[in-house]
Every structure is written in structure tokens, then in C-alpha cells.
Amino acid sequence: MTGKAKPKKHTAKEIAAKVDAATTNRGGGKAGQSDRSGLDKGGHAKLECPLCKVTAPDIKSMQIHHDARHPKIPFDESKIANLHGSVTPEASKPRPGVRGSHKK
């Protein structure tokens, strides 16, 4: 038994959270670079700003970006490039937020 006001070193909840963080693909780092670029069909960056080449997942996010970064130029949906228009989907590509680890 531990002494007065001395918590245990690691709780089961803390260890489970560490395992979850280590084995879940959050889409960051080098592994998620292709996902963020939008070149693959499964990537989240679907639209590209014609002025500064910044990518966004949907039209609403692109409009928010345009209003913040290019306030003097009127927003025109027809000029936005759809990065998923010409790419075929890849079924075996790992998705962000999917449980699994390559460390096993």
C-alpha cells in the first residue's frame, strides 16, 4: 500500500492512453504528409487555392481561408482547383485516425 497522499506511479487509464496515442495514426509527421498534400484520393486536402496554393478539405474552409488571406479579391468557386478530380482511389492506403501500429 502506498503512503499518505502518494499516488501510484501509473494508472491503468494513463497506460491505456499512452498505448492509444502510440498506435493510432493521427495523420501527422512524415506518415501523414501524403494525406495532407491531397495528391491521393484519400487525402483530406481536396481543394487548392489558386492564389497561394494552400489546400483545404472543403469549400467552406476554402472560403474562410480566402476571406482571411485575400480580402481584396472576390471569392470565385470556379477558380478553385479540385485535387481529387483526376486521381483514382487507392483502397490499401492507411487512413488517419485508424487504430493500428507498424511497431509490432
N, C-alpha and C. Protein backbone atom coordinates (compact mmCIF):
# COMPACT_ATOMS: atom_id res chain seq x y z
N MET A 1 0.83 -1.17 0.00
CA MET A 1 0.00 0.00 0.00
C MET A 1 0.88 1.25 0.00
N THR A 2 0.43 2.24 -0.69
CA THR A 2 1.22 3.47 -0.75
C THR A 2 0.95 4.34 0.46
N GLY A 3 1.86 5.27 0.70
CA GLY A 3 1.73 6.14 1.86
C GLY A 3 0.68 7.21 1.67
N LYS A 4 0.59 8.04 2.64
CA LYS A 4 -0.40 9.10 2.65
C LYS A 4 -0.12 10.11 1.52
N ALA A 5 -1.12 10.41 0.72
CA ALA A 5 -1.04 11.41 -0.37
C ALA A 5 0.02 11.06 -1.41
N LYS A 6 0.33 9.78 -1.57
CA LYS A 6 1.28 9.37 -2.59
C LYS A 6 0.53 8.52 -3.62
N PRO A 7 0.27 9.08 -4.78
CA PRO A 7 -0.46 8.30 -5.79
C PRO A 7 0.43 7.21 -6.38
N LYS A 8 -0.19 6.22 -7.00
CA LYS A 8 0.57 5.17 -7.67
C LYS A 8 1.33 5.79 -8.84
N LYS A 9 2.36 5.09 -9.27
CA LYS A 9 3.21 5.61 -10.34
C LYS A 9 2.44 5.79 -11.64
N HIS A 10 1.74 4.75 -12.11
CA HIS A 10 0.98 4.82 -13.36
C HIS A 10 -0.36 4.13 -13.17
N THR A 11 -1.41 4.81 -13.59
CA THR A 11 -2.74 4.20 -13.52
C THR A 11 -3.01 3.44 -14.81
N ALA A 12 -3.98 2.56 -14.78
CA ALA A 12 -4.35 1.80 -15.97
C ALA A 12 -4.87 2.73 -17.07
N LYS A 13 -5.58 3.78 -16.67
CA LYS A 13 -6.11 4.74 -17.64
C LYS A 13 -4.97 5.47 -18.35
N GLU A 14 -3.94 5.85 -17.60
CA GLU A 14 -2.80 6.55 -18.18
C GLU A 14 -2.04 5.64 -19.16
N ILE A 15 -1.84 4.38 -18.78
CA ILE A 15 -1.14 3.44 -19.66
C ILE A 15 -1.95 3.18 -20.92
N ALA A 16 -3.27 3.03 -20.79
CA ALA A 16 -4.13 2.82 -21.96
C ALA A 16 -4.10 4.03 -22.89
N ALA A 17 -4.03 5.23 -22.33
CA ALA A 17 -3.95 6.44 -23.15
C ALA A 17 -2.64 6.51 -23.91
N LYS A 18 -1.55 6.09 -23.26
CA LYS A 18 -0.24 6.07 -23.93
C LYS A 18 -0.21 5.05 -25.06
N VAL A 19 -0.80 3.88 -24.84
CA VAL A 19 -0.86 2.86 -25.89
C VAL A 19 -1.70 3.36 -27.06
N ASP A 20 -2.82 3.99 -26.76
CA ASP A 20 -3.68 4.53 -27.80
C ASP A 20 -2.96 5.60 -28.62
N ALA A 21 -2.24 6.49 -27.95
CA ALA A 21 -1.52 7.56 -28.64
C ALA A 21 -0.40 7.00 -29.50
N ALA A 22 0.21 5.92 -29.06
CA ALA A 22 1.33 5.33 -29.80
C ALA A 22 0.87 4.52 -31.00
N THR A 23 -0.33 3.95 -30.95
CA THR A 23 -0.76 3.04 -32.01
C THR A 23 -1.82 3.61 -32.95
N THR A 24 -2.29 4.81 -32.72
CA THR A 24 -3.31 5.40 -33.59
C THR A 24 -2.66 6.40 -34.54
N ASN A 25 -2.94 6.26 -35.83
CA ASN A 25 -2.41 7.16 -36.83
C ASN A 25 -3.24 8.44 -36.82
N ARG A 26 -2.65 9.54 -36.40
CA ARG A 26 -3.35 10.82 -36.35
C ARG A 26 -3.14 11.64 -37.62
N GLY A 27 -2.33 11.15 -38.53
CA GLY A 27 -2.12 11.86 -39.79
C GLY A 27 -1.03 12.90 -39.74
N GLY A 28 -0.22 12.90 -38.70
CA GLY A 28 0.85 13.88 -38.61
C GLY A 28 2.19 13.29 -38.99
N GLY A 29 3.20 14.13 -39.04
CA GLY A 29 4.56 13.68 -39.31
C GLY A 29 4.76 13.25 -40.75
N LYS A 30 5.78 12.45 -40.97
CA LYS A 30 6.12 12.02 -42.32
C LYS A 30 5.08 11.05 -42.89
N ALA A 31 4.48 10.24 -42.02
CA ALA A 31 3.49 9.27 -42.47
C ALA A 31 2.24 9.95 -43.03
N GLY A 32 1.86 11.11 -42.49
CA GLY A 32 0.66 11.80 -42.93
C GLY A 32 0.91 12.89 -43.96
N GLN A 33 2.13 12.98 -44.45
CA GLN A 33 2.46 14.05 -45.40
C GLN A 33 1.68 13.90 -46.71
N SER A 34 1.57 12.68 -47.23
CA SER A 34 0.83 12.47 -48.48
C SER A 34 -0.65 12.72 -48.27
N ASP A 35 -1.15 12.42 -47.07
CA ASP A 35 -2.56 12.66 -46.77
C ASP A 35 -2.86 14.15 -46.74
N ARG A 36 -1.95 14.93 -46.16
CA ARG A 36 -2.16 16.37 -46.08
C ARG A 36 -1.97 17.06 -47.42
N SER A 37 -1.18 16.47 -48.31
CA SER A 37 -0.90 17.11 -49.59
C SER A 37 -2.11 17.08 -50.52
N GLY A 38 -2.97 16.07 -50.38
CA GLY A 38 -4.16 15.98 -51.21
C GLY A 38 -3.92 15.34 -52.56
N LEU A 39 -2.72 14.84 -52.83
CA LEU A 39 -2.44 14.23 -54.11
C LEU A 39 -3.11 12.87 -54.25
N ASP A 40 -3.31 12.18 -53.15
CA ASP A 40 -4.02 10.91 -53.16
C ASP A 40 -5.51 11.16 -53.00
N LYS A 41 -6.31 10.25 -53.50
CA LYS A 41 -7.76 10.40 -53.40
C LYS A 41 -8.22 10.37 -51.94
N GLY A 42 -7.53 9.63 -51.09
CA GLY A 42 -7.92 9.53 -49.70
C GLY A 42 -7.46 10.70 -48.84
N GLY A 43 -6.67 11.59 -49.41
CA GLY A 43 -6.15 12.72 -48.64
C GLY A 43 -7.25 13.70 -48.28
N HIS A 44 -7.05 14.43 -47.21
CA HIS A 44 -8.07 15.36 -46.76
C HIS A 44 -7.99 16.71 -47.45
N ALA A 45 -6.88 17.00 -48.09
CA ALA A 45 -6.75 18.28 -48.78
C ALA A 45 -7.34 18.14 -50.18
N LYS A 46 -8.59 18.49 -50.33
CA LYS A 46 -9.28 18.28 -51.60
C LYS A 46 -9.16 19.48 -52.53
N LEU A 47 -9.26 20.69 -51.99
CA LEU A 47 -9.27 21.89 -52.81
C LEU A 47 -7.97 22.68 -52.64
N GLU A 48 -7.58 23.41 -53.69
CA GLU A 48 -6.36 24.20 -53.65
C GLU A 48 -6.66 25.64 -54.05
N CYS A 49 -6.16 26.58 -53.27
CA CYS A 49 -6.35 27.99 -53.54
C CYS A 49 -5.55 28.37 -54.79
N PRO A 50 -6.17 29.04 -55.78
CA PRO A 50 -5.44 29.39 -57.00
C PRO A 50 -4.42 30.51 -56.78
N LEU A 51 -4.55 31.25 -55.69
CA LEU A 51 -3.66 32.38 -55.46
C LEU A 51 -2.39 32.00 -54.71
N CYS A 52 -2.53 31.20 -53.65
CA CYS A 52 -1.37 30.89 -52.81
C CYS A 52 -1.09 29.40 -52.69
N LYS A 53 -1.88 28.55 -53.35
CA LYS A 53 -1.69 27.09 -53.38
C LYS A 53 -1.87 26.41 -52.02
N VAL A 54 -2.57 27.03 -51.10
CA VAL A 54 -2.88 26.40 -49.81
C VAL A 54 -4.04 25.43 -50.04
N THR A 55 -4.01 24.27 -49.37
CA THR A 55 -5.05 23.27 -49.56
C THR A 55 -6.07 23.32 -48.43
N ALA A 56 -7.29 22.88 -48.73
CA ALA A 56 -8.38 22.84 -47.75
C ALA A 56 -9.25 21.63 -48.05
N PRO A 57 -9.92 21.07 -47.02
CA PRO A 57 -10.72 19.86 -47.23
C PRO A 57 -12.08 20.10 -47.88
N ASP A 58 -12.66 21.29 -47.72
CA ASP A 58 -13.98 21.54 -48.30
C ASP A 58 -14.12 23.01 -48.71
N ILE A 59 -15.22 23.31 -49.37
CA ILE A 59 -15.44 24.64 -49.93
C ILE A 59 -15.61 25.70 -48.84
N LYS A 60 -16.23 25.32 -47.72
CA LYS A 60 -16.44 26.27 -46.63
C LYS A 60 -15.10 26.68 -46.00
N SER A 61 -14.21 25.72 -45.80
CA SER A 61 -12.88 26.03 -45.27
C SER A 61 -12.09 26.89 -46.24
N MET A 62 -12.26 26.62 -47.53
CA MET A 62 -11.57 27.42 -48.54
C MET A 62 -12.09 28.85 -48.56
N GLN A 63 -13.39 29.02 -48.35
CA GLN A 63 -13.96 30.37 -48.33
C GLN A 63 -13.47 31.13 -47.09
N ILE A 64 -13.37 30.45 -45.95
CA ILE A 64 -12.84 31.08 -44.74
C ILE A 64 -11.39 31.50 -44.97
N HIS A 65 -10.60 30.62 -45.60
CA HIS A 65 -9.21 30.95 -45.92
C HIS A 65 -9.14 32.17 -46.84
N HIS A 66 -9.99 32.17 -47.87
CA HIS A 66 -9.96 33.25 -48.85
C HIS A 66 -10.34 34.59 -48.22
N ASP A 67 -11.36 34.57 -47.36
CA ASP A 67 -11.78 35.81 -46.70
C ASP A 67 -10.69 36.35 -45.77
N ALA A 68 -9.93 35.44 -45.14
CA ALA A 68 -8.90 35.87 -44.20
C ALA A 68 -7.62 36.31 -44.92
N ARG A 69 -7.22 35.59 -45.96
CA ARG A 69 -5.92 35.84 -46.60
C ARG A 69 -5.99 36.74 -47.84
N HIS A 70 -7.13 36.74 -48.52
CA HIS A 70 -7.25 37.52 -49.75
C HIS A 70 -8.51 38.38 -49.71
N PRO A 71 -8.62 39.30 -48.76
CA PRO A 71 -9.87 40.05 -48.59
C PRO A 71 -10.21 41.00 -49.75
N LYS A 72 -9.20 41.45 -50.49
CA LYS A 72 -9.46 42.42 -51.57
C LYS A 72 -9.91 41.76 -52.87
N ILE A 73 -9.70 40.45 -52.99
CA ILE A 73 -10.08 39.73 -54.21
C ILE A 73 -11.40 39.00 -53.96
N PRO A 74 -12.38 39.15 -54.84
CA PRO A 74 -13.66 38.45 -54.63
C PRO A 74 -13.50 36.93 -54.75
N PHE A 75 -14.27 36.20 -53.93
CA PHE A 75 -14.21 34.73 -53.91
C PHE A 75 -14.97 34.17 -55.10
N ASP A 76 -14.30 33.30 -55.87
CA ASP A 76 -14.92 32.67 -57.03
C ASP A 76 -14.69 31.16 -56.95
N GLU A 77 -15.78 30.41 -56.76
CA GLU A 77 -15.68 28.96 -56.61
C GLU A 77 -15.15 28.27 -57.86
N SER A 78 -15.40 28.82 -59.03
CA SER A 78 -15.00 28.15 -60.27
C SER A 78 -13.48 28.14 -60.48
N LYS A 79 -12.75 29.03 -59.81
CA LYS A 79 -11.29 29.08 -59.98
C LYS A 79 -10.54 28.13 -59.05
N ILE A 80 -11.23 27.54 -58.08
CA ILE A 80 -10.58 26.66 -57.11
C ILE A 80 -10.30 25.30 -57.76
N ALA A 81 -9.07 24.81 -57.59
CA ALA A 81 -8.67 23.54 -58.18
C ALA A 81 -9.08 22.38 -57.29
N ASN A 82 -9.74 21.37 -57.88
CA ASN A 82 -10.13 20.16 -57.17
C ASN A 82 -9.03 19.12 -57.37
N LEU A 83 -8.30 18.81 -56.30
CA LEU A 83 -7.17 17.88 -56.41
C LEU A 83 -7.61 16.43 -56.56
N HIS A 84 -8.84 16.11 -56.21
CA HIS A 84 -9.34 14.74 -56.31
C HIS A 84 -10.04 14.46 -57.63
N GLY A 85 -10.11 15.42 -58.50
CA GLY A 85 -10.84 15.26 -59.74
C GLY A 85 -10.25 14.25 -60.69
N SER A 86 -8.92 14.13 -60.73
CA SER A 86 -8.29 13.27 -61.73
C SER A 86 -7.57 12.05 -61.14
N VAL A 87 -7.66 11.84 -59.83
CA VAL A 87 -6.94 10.74 -59.18
C VAL A 87 -7.91 9.62 -58.83
N THR A 88 -7.49 8.37 -59.11
CA THR A 88 -8.34 7.23 -58.75
C THR A 88 -8.06 6.84 -57.30
N PRO A 89 -9.06 6.34 -56.57
CA PRO A 89 -8.85 6.00 -55.16
C PRO A 89 -7.94 4.79 -54.98
N GLU A 90 -7.19 4.80 -53.90
CA GLU A 90 -6.32 3.67 -53.56
C GLU A 90 -6.88 3.01 -52.31
N ALA A 91 -7.32 1.77 -52.43
CA ALA A 91 -8.02 1.09 -51.34
C ALA A 91 -7.11 0.72 -50.18
N SER A 92 -5.83 0.46 -50.45
CA SER A 92 -4.95 -0.02 -49.39
C SER A 92 -4.26 1.09 -48.60
N LYS A 93 -4.54 2.33 -48.93
CA LYS A 93 -3.88 3.45 -48.24
C LYS A 93 -4.40 3.57 -46.81
N PRO A 94 -3.49 3.67 -45.81
CA PRO A 94 -3.95 3.82 -44.43
C PRO A 94 -4.59 5.18 -44.21
N ARG A 95 -5.65 5.20 -43.45
CA ARG A 95 -6.39 6.44 -43.19
C ARG A 95 -6.00 7.01 -41.83
N PRO A 96 -5.99 8.33 -41.67
CA PRO A 96 -5.70 8.90 -40.36
C PRO A 96 -6.82 8.61 -39.38
N GLY A 97 -6.47 8.45 -38.13
CA GLY A 97 -7.46 8.17 -37.11
C GLY A 97 -7.83 6.71 -37.04
N VAL A 98 -7.16 5.84 -37.80
CA VAL A 98 -7.45 4.42 -37.81
C VAL A 98 -6.52 3.73 -36.82
N ARG A 99 -7.06 2.86 -36.00
CA ARG A 99 -6.28 2.16 -34.98
C ARG A 99 -5.38 1.14 -35.65
N GLY A 100 -4.14 1.13 -35.26
CA GLY A 100 -3.19 0.17 -35.79
C GLY A 100 -1.78 0.68 -35.62
N SER A 101 -0.84 -0.24 -35.61
CA SER A 101 0.54 0.14 -35.39
C SER A 101 1.46 -0.60 -36.32
N HIS A 102 2.51 0.08 -36.75
CA HIS A 102 3.53 -0.56 -37.56
C HIS A 102 4.70 -1.00 -36.68
N LYS A 103 4.60 -0.78 -35.36
CA LYS A 103 5.70 -1.06 -34.44
C LYS A 103 5.70 -2.48 -33.89
N LYS A 104 4.70 -3.29 -34.23
CA LYS A 104 4.54 -4.61 -33.63
C LYS A 104 5.60 -5.57 -34.04
